[in-house]
């Protein structure tokens, strides 16, 4: 299949994340302090995220997204109204969390009409999803695409290698960590219907 549309380039999410969070917060009629209370963060942290002054962890972004009733991908994916749901490898919306030492790439066009959310998370050596285990809304299939990762899932610690897959049930506290010497990638796929 060929496309008549020219190549698209991804706008750096670091420049859009803060304003998008603020837009979503205000669209829902939520004050900064209320969002902070519901998400479990300080108002100053929320303000710093909205103003692009901090690089939040993956877990922090997931918590903010859940509080705003959107998915993690919704925070940084560029909406596409095309009938062809194609995301080119060189045009993926992505976000780098220096705190987590990780990068998140959106593999699906944004939009609540999309049935799935698919993310590729690359975690550098010594990186992790968050300081503490946290749950997300909806079941999530995780497939280790490359490398090795440690997944703390509720009370279990799982060592996962390339090709290993695990289903993470709704709101089950979990935490990813890369204790290896090379970067590791995990593909995360979840249904939007569970939100």
Foldseek 3Di string as FASTA:
>chain_A
DDDPDDDDAADAQLVVLLCLLVVLCVVVVHDLCRLCVQLVHHSVVNVCSNVSNAQDFLQSLLSSCVSSLHGSCQSWAAADPDPDWAADPRHWHKYARPQQQKMKTWGTHDDLVDFKTKIKMKHFAFGKRDPWFWFHFFKKKKAWQADWKWKCWQPDIDIDHHGDIDIHGGTTTMMIHHNDHGMTMMMIMGTSVRD
